Amino acid sequence: MLKRRTLVGMPLALAASRTAWADAADGYPNRTVRLIVPYPPGGGGDAVARIIAPKLQDALGQTFIIDNRPGAGASIGTDLAAKAPPDGYTILETPGAALTVNPQLMVAPYDPIKDLAPIAMVTRARMLFVCAPSVPAKTMQELIAYAKANPGKLNFGSAGNGTITQLSWEMVKIATGIDIVHVPYRGSGPAINDLLAGQIQLFSESVLLPYVRAGQMRALAVSGDERWAALPDVPTVKEAGLTGVNPSAWYGVFVPAATPAAIAAKLSAVLLKIAADPELKQKFDAIGMEPTPLGPEAFAKVIRDDIATNGEVIRKAHITLD
């Protein structure tokens, strides 16, 4: 009889649980939501957060506060989000490296598949390869020739070891055999500042268009299968003569894995609608990004594929976090 009562009660308990989840989603959010960005201000991840946060506030009627938590190649902020209470009031917006690169370089304090649930990809970035105006090269081929004649003389910055900003130039090194020196920073912002100050000569990011237009950096090539309308005279990396070099950084939003499904679904639906907003498309275009709304299942597949692709670059380039 005890077993029967237990089994009879299970459907009622499950129904009550589903009702509670639905009620939670209906009332969500009823207070401020923290949007963690595991990078400092100034880079692509921060730019995306500052574009989508006001739209999230408008759609959901609550304040979304951006909380920049840089360090350890985005692992500090990512771990903070993964271990946050799974109630929808702490969410993560990040480029892919925190999930597809870092766990392959270190004993990460989080599992990118088990500890975080992808709810929406928002956008992909065009990676713009640039050099400082002081570098005597106007094209990627001229840069490669100069680097081969001056091994070890050029430095390229990155947002940190293992980030897409490092992998982009590592792909160039693998394809061409040039000897350029990696200088990691704690985010893209500091790297940009040092390029402007002449401390490094090369960089690759998605938010460099304003600096190129101002003549503070020289564009050599851009990732993607077609030229970028914002810089129609700049060739794609393939047009510049490089094969196997086409980095693309995606930016997506995650919640702790145990977050109620109804809350995750509500956030996903809102974010997919935001990513398709024509007004936001103009803002993303201005910083070299292309809106790419993908739901949880399609986004999860991208993550798995990138883990495999980036793992190959890591092995060939012997990338470490040291």
C-alpha atoms as a PDB file:
ATOM      1  CA  MET A   1       0.000   0.000   0.000  1.00  0.00           C
ATOM      2  CA  LEU A   2       2.842   2.367   0.770  1.00  0.00           C
ATOM      3  CA  LYS A   3       4.357   1.796  -2.663  1.00  0.00           C
ATOM      4  CA  ARG A   4       1.005   2.335  -4.343  1.00  0.00           C
ATOM      5  CA  ARG A   5       0.400   5.600  -2.484  1.00  0.00           C
ATOM      6  CA  THR A   6       3.879   6.769  -3.510  1.00  0.00           C
ATOM      7  CA  LEU A   7       3.289   5.985  -7.184  1.00  0.00           C
ATOM      8  CA  VAL A   8      -0.142   7.551  -7.117  1.00  0.00           C
ATOM      9  CA  GLY A   9       1.319  10.671  -5.581  1.00  0.00           C
ATOM     10  CA  MET A  10       4.137  11.024  -8.107  1.00  0.00           C
ATOM     11  CA  PRO A  11       2.027  12.422 -10.985  1.00  0.00           C
ATOM     12  CA  LEU A  12       0.494  14.906  -8.573  1.00  0.00           C
ATOM     13  CA  ALA A  13       3.947  15.954  -7.379  1.00  0.00           C
ATOM     14  CA  LEU A  14       5.236  16.312 -10.938  1.00  0.00           C
ATOM     15  CA  ALA A  15       2.176  18.329 -11.908  1.00  0.00           C
ATOM     16  CA  ALA A  16       2.673  20.564  -8.889  1.00  0.00           C
ATOM     17  CA  SER A  17       6.338  21.000  -9.855  1.00  0.00           C
ATOM     18  CA  ARG A  18       5.426  21.971 -13.422  1.00  0.00           C
ATOM     19  CA  THR A  19       2.831  24.391 -12.091  1.00  0.00           C
ATOM     20  CA  ALA A  20       5.409  25.938  -9.776  1.00  0.00           C
ATOM     21  CA  TRP A  21       7.834  26.337 -12.691  1.00  0.00           C
ATOM     22  CA  ALA A  22       5.158  27.962 -14.818  1.00  0.00           C
ATOM     23  CA  ASP A  23       4.217  30.296 -11.973  1.00  0.00           C
ATOM     24  CA  ALA A  24       7.897  31.186 -11.527  1.00  0.00           C
ATOM     25  CA  ALA A  25       8.195  32.030 -15.217  1.00  0.00           C
ATOM     26  CA  ASP A  26       4.990  34.079 -15.170  1.00  0.00           C
ATOM     27  CA  GLY A  27       6.365  36.216 -12.336  1.00  0.00           C
ATOM     28  CA  TYR A  28       9.902  36.345 -13.685  1.00  0.00           C
ATOM     29  CA  PRO A  29      11.699  38.636 -13.302  1.00  0.00           C
ATOM     30  CA  ASN A  30      10.386  40.564 -10.316  1.00  0.00           C
ATOM     31  CA  ARG A  31      13.726  42.113  -9.312  1.00  0.00           C
ATOM     32  CA  THR A  32      17.064  43.171 -10.773  1.00  0.00           C
ATOM     33  CA  VAL A  33      18.899  40.624 -12.936  1.00  0.00           C
ATOM     34  CA  ARG A  34      22.696  40.450 -12.970  1.00  0.00           C
ATOM     35  CA  LEU A  35      24.265  39.977 -16.415  1.00  0.00           C
ATOM     36  CA  ILE A  36      27.809  38.713 -15.892  1.00  0.00           C
ATOM     37  CA  VAL A  37      30.383  39.478 -18.580  1.00  0.00           C
ATOM     38  CA  PRO A  38      33.664  37.628 -17.883  1.00  0.00           C
ATOM     39  CA  TYR A  39      35.734  40.362 -19.557  1.00  0.00           C
ATOM     40  CA  PRO A  40      36.546  43.981 -18.718  1.00  0.00           C
ATOM     41  CA  PRO A  41      34.833  46.888 -20.484  1.00  0.00           C
ATOM     42  CA  GLY A  42      36.035  47.651 -23.988  1.00  0.00           C
ATOM     43  CA  GLY A  43      35.915  44.309 -25.763  1.00  0.00           C
ATOM     44  CA  GLY A  44      33.365  42.458 -27.856  1.00  0.00           C
ATOM     45  CA  GLY A  45      31.673  40.641 -24.988  1.00  0.00           C
ATOM     46  CA  ASP A  46      31.110  43.877 -23.105  1.00  0.00           C
ATOM     47  CA  ALA A  47      29.831  45.616 -26.254  1.00  0.00           C
ATOM     48  CA  VAL A  48      27.236  42.894 -26.859  1.00  0.00           C
ATOM     49  CA  ALA A  49      26.037  43.057 -23.255  1.00  0.00           C
ATOM     50  CA  ARG A  50      25.588  46.817 -23.443  1.00  0.00           C
ATOM     51  CA  ILE A  51      23.544  46.455 -26.624  1.00  0.00           C
ATOM     52  CA  ILE A  52      21.189  43.738 -25.380  1.00  0.00           C
ATOM     53  CA  ALA A  53      20.765  44.796 -21.722  1.00  0.00           C
ATOM     54  CA  PRO A  54      18.468  47.776 -22.465  1.00  0.00           C
ATOM     55  CA  LYS A  55      16.342  45.578 -24.730  1.00  0.00           C
ATOM     56  CA  LEU A  56      16.049  42.921 -22.032  1.00  0.00           C
ATOM     57  CA  GLN A  57      14.945  45.616 -19.599  1.00  0.00           C
ATOM     58  CA  ASP A  58      12.311  46.864 -22.032  1.00  0.00           C
ATOM     59  CA  ALA A  59      10.997  43.385 -22.766  1.00  0.00           C
ATOM     60  CA  LEU A  60      10.960  42.052 -19.204  1.00  0.00           C
ATOM     61  CA  GLY A  61      10.322  45.196 -17.198  1.00  0.00           C
ATOM     62  CA  GLN A  62      13.260  44.864 -14.805  1.00  0.00           C
ATOM     63  CA  THR A  63      16.760  46.297 -14.576  1.00  0.00           C
ATOM     64  CA  PHE A  64      19.601  44.226 -16.045  1.00  0.00           C
ATOM     65  CA  ILE A  65      22.896  45.234 -14.436  1.00  0.00           C
ATOM     66  CA  ILE A  66      26.122  44.431 -16.300  1.00  0.00           C
ATOM     67  CA  ASP A  67      28.699  42.925 -13.957  1.00  0.00           C
ATOM     68  CA  ASN A  68      32.169  42.761 -15.550  1.00  0.00           C
ATOM     69  CA  ARG A  69      34.184  39.969 -13.926  1.00  0.00           C
ATOM     70  CA  PRO A  70      37.438  39.544 -15.914  1.00  0.00           C
ATOM     71  CA  GLY A  71      40.357  37.277 -15.225  1.00  0.00           C
ATOM     72  CA  ALA A  72      41.852  33.870 -16.061  1.00  0.00           C
ATOM     73  CA  GLY A  73      40.771  34.063 -19.689  1.00  0.00           C
ATOM     74  CA  ALA A  74      37.123  34.586 -18.692  1.00  0.00           C
ATOM     75  CA  SER A  75      37.103  31.638 -16.286  1.00  0.00           C
ATOM     76  CA  ILE A  76      36.520  33.742 -13.163  1.00  0.00           C
ATOM     77  CA  GLY A  77      33.289  35.324 -14.376  1.00  0.00           C
ATOM     78  CA  THR A  78      32.112  32.151 -16.096  1.00  0.00           C
ATOM     79  CA  ASP A  79      32.591  30.104 -12.927  1.00  0.00           C
ATOM     80  CA  LEU A  80      30.780  32.745 -10.898  1.00  0.00           C
ATOM     81  CA  ALA A  81      27.782  32.488 -13.215  1.00  0.00           C
ATOM     82  CA  ALA A  82      27.873  28.678 -13.310  1.00  0.00           C
ATOM     83  CA  LYS A  83      27.745  28.485  -9.504  1.00  0.00           C
ATOM     84  CA  ALA A  84      25.123  31.219  -9.038  1.00  0.00           C
ATOM     85  CA  PRO A  85      21.689  30.308  -7.668  1.00  0.00           C
ATOM     86  CA  PRO A  86      19.738  28.774 -10.579  1.00  0.00           C
ATOM     87  CA  ASP A  87      16.839  31.176 -10.363  1.00  0.00           C
ATOM     88  CA  GLY A  88      17.281  33.291 -13.500  1.00  0.00           C
ATOM     89  CA  TYR A  89      18.615  36.314 -11.632  1.00  0.00           C
ATOM     90  CA  THR A  90      22.229  35.704 -12.625  1.00  0.00           C
ATOM     91  CA  ILE A  91      22.863  35.098 -16.315  1.00  0.00           C
ATOM     92  CA  LEU A  92      26.052  34.959 -18.357  1.00  0.00           C
ATOM     93  CA  GLU A  93      26.871  36.640 -21.669  1.00  0.00           C
ATOM     94  CA  THR A  94      30.185  35.547 -23.126  1.00  0.00           C
ATOM     95  CA  PRO A  95      32.172  34.875 -26.266  1.00  0.00           C
ATOM     96  CA  GLY A  96      32.817  31.238 -27.017  1.00  0.00           C
ATOM     97  CA  ALA A  97      36.372  30.873 -25.740  1.00  0.00           C
ATOM     98  CA  ALA A  98      35.317  30.605 -22.105  1.00  0.00           C
ATOM     99  CA  LEU A  99      33.482  27.392 -22.972  1.00  0.00           C
ATOM    100  CA  THR A 100      35.214  25.986 -26.036  1.00  0.00           C
ATOM    101  CA  VAL A 101      38.862  26.810 -25.269  1.00  0.00           C
ATOM    102  CA  ASN A 102      39.543  27.299 -21.562  1.00  0.00           C
ATOM    103  CA  PRO A 103      38.449  23.827 -20.423  1.00  0.00           C
ATOM    104  CA  GLN A 104      40.952  22.379 -22.932  1.00  0.00           C
ATOM    105  CA  LEU A 105      43.802  24.441 -21.484  1.00  0.00           C
ATOM    106  CA  MET A 106      43.228  24.141 -17.772  1.00  0.00           C
ATOM    107  CA  VAL A 107      41.413  22.257 -15.082  1.00  0.00           C
ATOM    108  CA  ALA A 108      38.471  24.597 -15.295  1.00  0.00           C
ATOM    109  CA  PRO A 109      36.394  25.081 -12.138  1.00  0.00           C
ATOM    110  CA  TYR A 110      33.261  24.544 -14.237  1.00  0.00           C
ATOM    111  CA  ASP A 111      32.077  22.065 -16.849  1.00  0.00           C
ATOM    112  CA  PRO A 112      30.889  24.006 -19.922  1.00  0.00           C
ATOM    113  CA  ILE A 113      28.393  21.305 -20.855  1.00  0.00           C
ATOM    114  CA  LYS A 114      27.092  20.197 -17.448  1.00  0.00           C
ATOM    115  CA  ASP A 115      27.176  23.418 -15.416  1.00  0.00           C
ATOM    116  CA  LEU A 116      25.759  25.924 -17.904  1.00  0.00           C
ATOM    117  CA  ALA A 117      22.691  25.787 -20.114  1.00  0.00           C
ATOM    118  CA  PRO A 118      22.845  27.677 -23.440  1.00  0.00           C
ATOM    119  CA  ILE A 119      19.683  29.660 -23.979  1.00  0.00           C
ATOM    120  CA  ALA A 120      20.477  31.723 -27.091  1.00  0.00           C
ATOM    121  CA  MET A 121      23.255  32.682 -29.432  1.00  0.00           C
ATOM    122  CA  VAL A 122      22.885  36.379 -30.145  1.00  0.00           C
ATOM    123  CA  THR A 123      25.538  37.318 -32.684  1.00  0.00           C
ATOM    124  CA  ARG A 124      28.736  36.342 -34.462  1.00  0.00           C
ATOM    125  CA  ALA A 125      31.675  38.657 -34.946  1.00  0.00           C
ATOM    126  CA  ARG A 126      33.846  39.499 -37.914  1.00  0.00           C
ATOM    127  CA  MET A 127      37.433  39.261 -36.738  1.00  0.00           C
ATOM    128  CA  LEU A 128      39.339  42.233 -38.134  1.00  0.00           C
ATOM    129  CA  PHE A 129      43.101  41.717 -38.443  1.00  0.00           C
ATOM    130  CA  VAL A 130      44.905  45.016 -37.882  1.00  0.00           C
ATOM    131  CA  CYS A 131      48.377  46.432 -37.438  1.00  0.00           C
ATOM    132  CA  ALA A 132      49.666  49.661 -35.968  1.00  0.00           C
ATOM    133  CA  PRO A 133      50.314  52.456 -38.499  1.00  0.00           C
ATOM    134  CA  SER A 134      54.033  52.204 -37.662  1.00  0.00           C
ATOM    135  CA  VAL A 135      54.245  48.720 -39.209  1.00  0.00           C
ATOM    136  CA  PRO A 136      55.579  48.966 -42.795  1.00  0.00           C
ATOM    137  CA  ALA A 137      52.851  46.805 -44.300  1.00  0.00           C
ATOM    138  CA  LYS A 138      49.597  47.752 -45.994  1.00  0.00           C
ATOM    139  CA  THR A 139      48.386  44.244 -46.809  1.00  0.00           C
ATOM    140  CA  MET A 140      48.434  40.864 -45.108  1.00  0.00           C
ATOM    141  CA  GLN A 141      50.951  39.581 -47.640  1.00  0.00           C
ATOM    142  CA  GLU A 142      53.261  42.544 -46.982  1.00  0.00           C
ATOM    143  CA  LEU A 143      52.933  41.894 -43.258  1.00  0.00           C
ATOM    144  CA  ILE A 144      53.829  38.231 -43.705  1.00  0.00           C
ATOM    145  CA  ALA A 145      56.872  39.167 -45.798  1.00  0.00           C
ATOM    146  CA  TYR A 146      57.974  41.706 -43.168  1.00  0.00           C
ATOM    147  CA  ALA A 147      57.464  39.218 -40.335  1.00  0.00           C
ATOM    148  CA  LYS A 148      59.522  36.578 -42.153  1.00  0.00           C
ATOM    149  CA  ALA A 149      62.331  39.095 -42.676  1.00  0.00           C
ATOM    150  CA  ASN A 150      62.130  40.174 -39.024  1.00  0.00           C
ATOM    151  CA  PRO A 151      61.371  37.068 -36.949  1.00  0.00           C
ATOM    152  CA  GLY A 152      60.295  37.776 -33.391  1.00  0.00           C
ATOM    153  CA  LYS A 153      60.143  41.536 -33.923  1.00  0.00           C
ATOM    154  CA  LEU A 154      56.351  41.913 -34.103  1.00  0.00           C
ATOM    155  CA  ASN A 155      54.088  41.419 -31.093  1.00  0.00           C
ATOM    156  CA  PHE A 156      50.411  40.521 -31.292  1.00  0.00           C
ATOM    157  CA  GLY A 157      48.099  41.177 -28.394  1.00  0.00           C
ATOM    158  CA  SER A 158      45.149  39.144 -27.240  1.00  0.00           C
ATOM    159  CA  ALA A 159      42.355  39.354 -24.693  1.00  0.00           C
ATOM    160  CA  GLY A 160      44.070  36.503 -22.851  1.00  0.00           C
ATOM    161  CA  ASN A 161      45.586  33.104 -23.391  1.00  0.00           C
ATOM    162  CA  GLY A 162      43.245  30.848 -25.327  1.00  0.00           C
ATOM    163  CA  THR A 163      40.835  33.561 -26.416  1.00  0.00           C
ATOM    164  CA  ILE A 164      39.699  33.856 -30.030  1.00  0.00           C
ATOM    165  CA  THR A 165      41.899  36.947 -30.282  1.00  0.00           C
ATOM    166  CA  GLN A 166      44.917  34.700 -29.700  1.00  0.00           C
ATOM    167  CA  LEU A 167      43.651  31.821 -31.820  1.00  0.00           C
ATOM    168  CA  SER A 168      43.116  34.185 -34.772  1.00  0.00           C
ATOM    169  CA  TRP A 169      46.817  35.071 -35.074  1.00  0.00           C
ATOM    170  CA  GLU A 170      47.885  31.540 -34.140  1.00  0.00           C
ATOM    171  CA  MET A 171      45.937  30.381 -37.210  1.00  0.00           C
ATOM    172  CA  VAL A 172      47.961  32.868 -39.293  1.00  0.00           C
ATOM    173  CA  LYS A 173      51.199  31.567 -37.771  1.00  0.00           C
ATOM    174  CA  ILE A 174      50.250  27.962 -38.563  1.00  0.00           C
ATOM    175  CA  ALA A 175      49.283  28.872 -42.140  1.00  0.00           C
ATOM    176  CA  THR A 176      52.381  30.975 -42.913  1.00  0.00           C
ATOM    177  CA  GLY A 177      55.150  29.921 -40.532  1.00  0.00           C
ATOM    178  CA  ILE A 178      55.827  33.489 -39.368  1.00  0.00           C
ATOM    179  CA  ASP A 179      57.408  34.153 -35.985  1.00  0.00           C
ATOM    180  CA  ILE A 180      55.392  36.770 -34.080  1.00  0.00           C
ATOM    181  CA  VAL A 181      55.241  37.068 -30.299  1.00  0.00           C
ATOM    182  CA  HIS A 182      52.028  36.684 -28.311  1.00  0.00           C
ATOM    183  CA  VAL A 183      51.321  39.231 -25.553  1.00  0.00           C
ATOM    184  CA  PRO A 184      48.228  38.289 -23.501  1.00  0.00           C
ATOM    185  CA  TYR A 185      46.116  40.894 -21.691  1.00  0.00           C
ATOM    186  CA  ARG A 186      43.189  40.736 -19.311  1.00  0.00           C
ATOM    187  CA  GLY A 187      40.626  41.610 -21.958  1.00  0.00           C
ATOM    188  CA  SER A 188      40.553  43.353 -25.319  1.00  0.00           C
ATOM    189  CA  GLY A 189      40.312  46.858 -23.898  1.00  0.00           C
ATOM    190  CA  PRO A 190      43.846  46.913 -22.424  1.00  0.00           C
ATOM    191  CA  ALA A 191      45.250  45.329 -25.594  1.00  0.00           C
ATOM    192  CA  ILE A 192      43.618  47.991 -27.747  1.00  0.00           C
ATOM    193  CA  ASN A 193      45.068  50.714 -25.533  1.00  0.00           C
ATOM    194  CA  ASP A 194      48.568  49.269 -25.872  1.00  0.00           C
ATOM    195  CA  LEU A 195      48.286  48.992 -29.644  1.00  0.00           C
ATOM    196  CA  LEU A 196      47.256  52.650 -29.775  1.00  0.00           C
ATOM    197  CA  ALA A 197      50.255  53.473 -27.567  1.00  0.00           C
ATOM    198  CA  GLY A 198      52.647  51.486 -29.765  1.00  0.00           C
ATOM    199  CA  GLN A 199      53.434  48.775 -27.216  1.00  0.00           C
ATOM    200  CA  ILE A 200      52.174  46.013 -29.533  1.00  0.00           C
ATOM    201  CA  GLN A 201      51.843  45.995 -33.313  1.00  0.00           C
ATOM    202  CA  LEU A 202      49.141  43.443 -34.181  1.00  0.00           C
ATOM    203  CA  PHE A 203      45.663  42.586 -32.943  1.00  0.00           C
ATOM    204  CA  SER A 204      42.443  40.940 -34.077  1.00  0.00           C
ATOM    205  CA  GLU A 205      39.013  41.752 -32.696  1.00  0.00           C
ATOM    206  CA  SER A 206      35.458  42.500 -33.743  1.00  0.00           C
ATOM    207  CA  VAL A 207      35.192  46.022 -32.334  1.00  0.00           C
ATOM    208  CA  LEU A 208      38.044  47.771 -34.142  1.00  0.00           C
ATOM    209  CA  LEU A 209      36.100  49.495 -36.919  1.00  0.00           C
ATOM    210  CA  PRO A 210      36.078  52.961 -35.259  1.00  0.00           C
ATOM    211  CA  TYR A 211      39.880  52.841 -34.809  1.00  0.00           C
ATOM    212  CA  VAL A 212      40.412  51.807 -38.425  1.00  0.00           C
ATOM    213  CA  ARG A 213      38.165  54.584 -39.688  1.00  0.00           C
ATOM    214  CA  ALA A 214      40.044  57.077 -37.505  1.00  0.00           C
ATOM    215  CA  GLY A 215      43.380  55.965 -38.966  1.00  0.00           C
ATOM    216  CA  GLN A 216      44.618  54.683 -35.605  1.00  0.00           C
ATOM    217  CA  MET A 217      44.921  51.116 -36.908  1.00  0.00           C
ATOM    218  CA  ARG A 218      45.425  49.657 -40.384  1.00  0.00           C
ATOM    219  CA  ALA A 219      43.072  46.888 -41.504  1.00  0.00           C
ATOM    220  CA  LEU A 220      44.839  43.998 -43.243  1.00  0.00           C
ATOM    221  CA  ALA A 221      42.069  41.430 -43.654  1.00  0.00           C
ATOM    222  CA  VAL A 222      38.719  40.380 -42.233  1.00  0.00           C
ATOM    223  CA  SER A 223      37.262  36.976 -41.455  1.00  0.00           C
ATOM    224  CA  GLY A 224      34.185  35.695 -43.226  1.00  0.00           C
ATOM    225  CA  ASP A 225      33.266  34.253 -46.605  1.00  0.00           C
ATOM    226  CA  GLU A 226      32.444  37.638 -48.126  1.00  0.00           C
ATOM    227  CA  ARG A 227      33.826  41.141 -47.758  1.00  0.00           C
ATOM    228  CA  TRP A 228      32.451  43.285 -44.992  1.00  0.00           C
ATOM    229  CA  ALA A 229      30.210  46.068 -46.287  1.00  0.00           C
ATOM    230  CA  ALA A 230      31.589  48.443 -43.648  1.00  0.00           C
ATOM    231  CA  LEU A 231      35.118  48.067 -45.105  1.00  0.00           C
ATOM    232  CA  PRO A 232      34.588  47.029 -48.730  1.00  0.00           C
ATOM    233  CA  ASP A 233      38.231  47.624 -49.704  1.00  0.00           C
ATOM    234  CA  VAL A 234      39.568  45.214 -47.074  1.00  0.00           C
ATOM    235  CA  PRO A 235      39.952  41.646 -48.397  1.00  0.00           C
ATOM    236  CA  THR A 236      38.797  38.553 -46.592  1.00  0.00           C
ATOM    237  CA  VAL A 237      41.533  36.419 -45.109  1.00  0.00           C
ATOM    238  CA  LYS A 238      41.021  33.924 -47.930  1.00  0.00           C
ATOM    239  CA  GLU A 239      41.360  36.689 -50.526  1.00  0.00           C
ATOM    240  CA  ALA A 240      44.561  37.721 -48.763  1.00  0.00           C
ATOM    241  CA  GLY A 241      45.989  34.324 -49.681  1.00  0.00           C
ATOM    242  CA  LEU A 242      45.588  32.412 -46.414  1.00  0.00           C
ATOM    243  CA  THR A 243      43.819  29.070 -46.196  1.00  0.00           C
ATOM    244  CA  GLY A 244      42.474  27.515 -43.032  1.00  0.00           C
ATOM    245  CA  VAL A 245      42.218  30.919 -41.366  1.00  0.00           C
ATOM    246  CA  ASN A 246      38.632  32.022 -40.789  1.00  0.00           C
ATOM    247  CA  PRO A 247      38.049  32.687 -37.095  1.00  0.00           C
ATOM    248  CA  SER A 248      34.588  33.601 -35.943  1.00  0.00           C
ATOM    249  CA  ALA A 249      33.610  34.594 -32.444  1.00  0.00           C
ATOM    250  CA  TRP A 250      30.081  33.990 -31.308  1.00  0.00           C
ATOM    251  CA  TYR A 251      28.414  35.654 -28.346  1.00  0.00           C
ATOM    252  CA  GLY A 252      25.708  33.910 -26.398  1.00  0.00           C
ATOM    253  CA  VAL A 253      23.733  33.880 -23.178  1.00  0.00           C
ATOM    254  CA  PHE A 254      23.691  31.117 -20.581  1.00  0.00           C
ATOM    255  CA  VAL A 255      22.083  30.297 -17.246  1.00  0.00           C
ATOM    256  CA  PRO A 256      23.134  27.855 -14.530  1.00  0.00           C
ATOM    257  CA  ALA A 257      22.171  24.364 -15.642  1.00  0.00           C
ATOM    258  CA  ALA A 258      19.594  23.814 -12.881  1.00  0.00           C
ATOM    259  CA  THR A 259      17.598  26.924 -13.803  1.00  0.00           C
ATOM    260  CA  PRO A 260      13.886  26.035 -14.175  1.00  0.00           C
ATOM    261  CA  ALA A 261      13.108  25.185 -17.786  1.00  0.00           C
ATOM    262  CA  ALA A 262      10.254  27.680 -17.997  1.00  0.00           C
ATOM    263  CA  ILE A 263      12.491  30.576 -16.965  1.00  0.00           C
ATOM    264  CA  ALA A 264      15.203  29.515 -19.403  1.00  0.00           C
ATOM    265  CA  ALA A 265      12.607  29.228 -22.178  1.00  0.00           C
ATOM    266  CA  LYS A 266      11.242  32.694 -21.401  1.00  0.00           C
ATOM    267  CA  LEU A 267      14.707  34.244 -21.557  1.00  0.00           C
ATOM    268  CA  SER A 268      15.484  32.357 -24.758  1.00  0.00           C
ATOM    269  CA  ALA A 269      12.343  33.570 -26.518  1.00  0.00           C
ATOM    270  CA  VAL A 270      13.045  37.183 -25.558  1.00  0.00           C
ATOM    271  CA  LEU A 271      16.696  37.013 -26.630  1.00  0.00           C
ATOM    272  CA  LEU A 272      15.855  35.447 -30.002  1.00  0.00           C
ATOM    273  CA  LYS A 273      13.379  38.243 -30.627  1.00  0.00           C
ATOM    274  CA  ILE A 274      15.951  40.851 -29.606  1.00  0.00           C
ATOM    275  CA  ALA A 275      18.591  39.345 -31.905  1.00  0.00           C
ATOM    276  CA  ALA A 276      16.194  39.706 -34.839  1.00  0.00           C
ATOM    277  CA  ASP A 277      15.457  43.372 -34.079  1.00  0.00           C
ATOM    278  CA  PRO A 278      16.417  45.569 -37.105  1.00  0.00           C
ATOM    279  CA  GLU A 279      17.491  48.380 -34.765  1.00  0.00           C
ATOM    280  CA  LEU A 280      19.998  46.115 -33.082  1.00  0.00           C
ATOM    281  CA  LYS A 281      21.247  44.866 -36.439  1.00  0.00           C
ATOM    282  CA  GLN A 282      22.470  48.382 -37.196  1.00  0.00           C
ATOM    283  CA  LYS A 283      24.262  48.536 -33.838  1.00  0.00           C
ATOM    284  CA  PHE A 284      25.880  45.153 -34.369  1.00  0.00           C
ATOM    285  CA  ASP A 285      26.891  46.052 -37.924  1.00  0.00           C
ATOM    286  CA  ALA A 286      28.664  49.127 -36.594  1.00  0.00           C
ATOM    287  CA  ILE A 287      31.000  46.980 -34.474  1.00  0.00           C
ATOM    288  CA  GLY A 288      31.561  44.202 -36.996  1.00  0.00           C
ATOM    289  CA  MET A 289      29.001  41.708 -35.773  1.00  0.00           C
ATOM    290  CA  GLU A 290      26.206  39.841 -37.491  1.00  0.00           C
ATOM    291  CA  PRO A 291      23.026  38.970 -35.569  1.00  0.00           C
ATOM    292  CA  THR A 292      22.775  35.187 -35.425  1.00  0.00           C
ATOM    293  CA  PRO A 293      19.772  34.114 -33.358  1.00  0.00           C
ATOM    294  CA  LEU A 294      20.017  30.425 -32.475  1.00  0.00           C
ATOM    295  CA  GLY A 295      17.914  28.589 -29.910  1.00  0.00           C
ATOM    296  CA  PRO A 296      19.262  26.229 -27.239  1.00  0.00           C
ATOM    297  CA  GLU A 297      19.576  23.035 -29.318  1.00  0.00           C
ATOM    298  CA  ALA A 298      21.238  24.607 -32.369  1.00  0.00           C
ATOM    299  CA  PHE A 299      23.467  26.683 -30.104  1.00  0.00           C
ATOM    300  CA  ALA A 300      24.552  23.588 -28.161  1.00  0.00           C
ATOM    301  CA  LYS A 301      25.662  21.954 -31.432  1.00  0.00           C
ATOM    302  CA  VAL A 302      27.794  25.005 -32.321  1.00  0.00           C
ATOM    303  CA  ILE A 303      29.475  24.746 -28.925  1.00  0.00           C
ATOM    304  CA  ARG A 304      30.301  21.064 -29.392  1.00  0.00           C
ATOM    305  CA  ASP A 305      31.666  21.685 -32.907  1.00  0.00           C
ATOM    306  CA  ASP A 306      33.823  24.589 -31.733  1.00  0.00           C
ATOM    307  CA  ILE A 307      35.302  22.516 -28.925  1.00  0.00           C
ATOM    308  CA  ALA A 308      36.618  20.122 -31.586  1.00  0.00           C
ATOM    309  CA  THR A 309      37.864  22.830 -33.999  1.00  0.00           C
ATOM    310  CA  ASN A 310      39.549  24.977 -31.376  1.00  0.00           C
ATOM    311  CA  GLY A 311      41.108  21.909 -29.798  1.00  0.00           C
ATOM    312  CA  GLU A 312      42.956  21.237 -33.042  1.00  0.00           C
ATOM    313  CA  VAL A 313      44.392  24.791 -33.142  1.00  0.00           C
ATOM    314  CA  ILE A 314      45.407  24.531 -29.492  1.00  0.00           C
ATOM    315  CA  ARG A 315      47.344  21.334 -30.160  1.00  0.00           C
ATOM    316  CA  LYS A 316      49.071  22.594 -33.314  1.00  0.00           C
ATOM    317  CA  ALA A 317      50.005  25.950 -31.778  1.00  0.00           C
ATOM    318  CA  HIS A 318      50.964  24.398 -28.420  1.00  0.00           C
ATOM    319  CA  ILE A 319      48.813  26.963 -26.620  1.00  0.00           C
ATOM    320  CA  THR A 320      48.949  26.991 -22.829  1.00  0.00           C
ATOM    321  CA  LEU A 321      47.720  29.323 -20.129  1.00  0.00           C
ATOM    322  CA  ASP A 322      51.267  30.032 -18.864  1.00  0.00           C
END
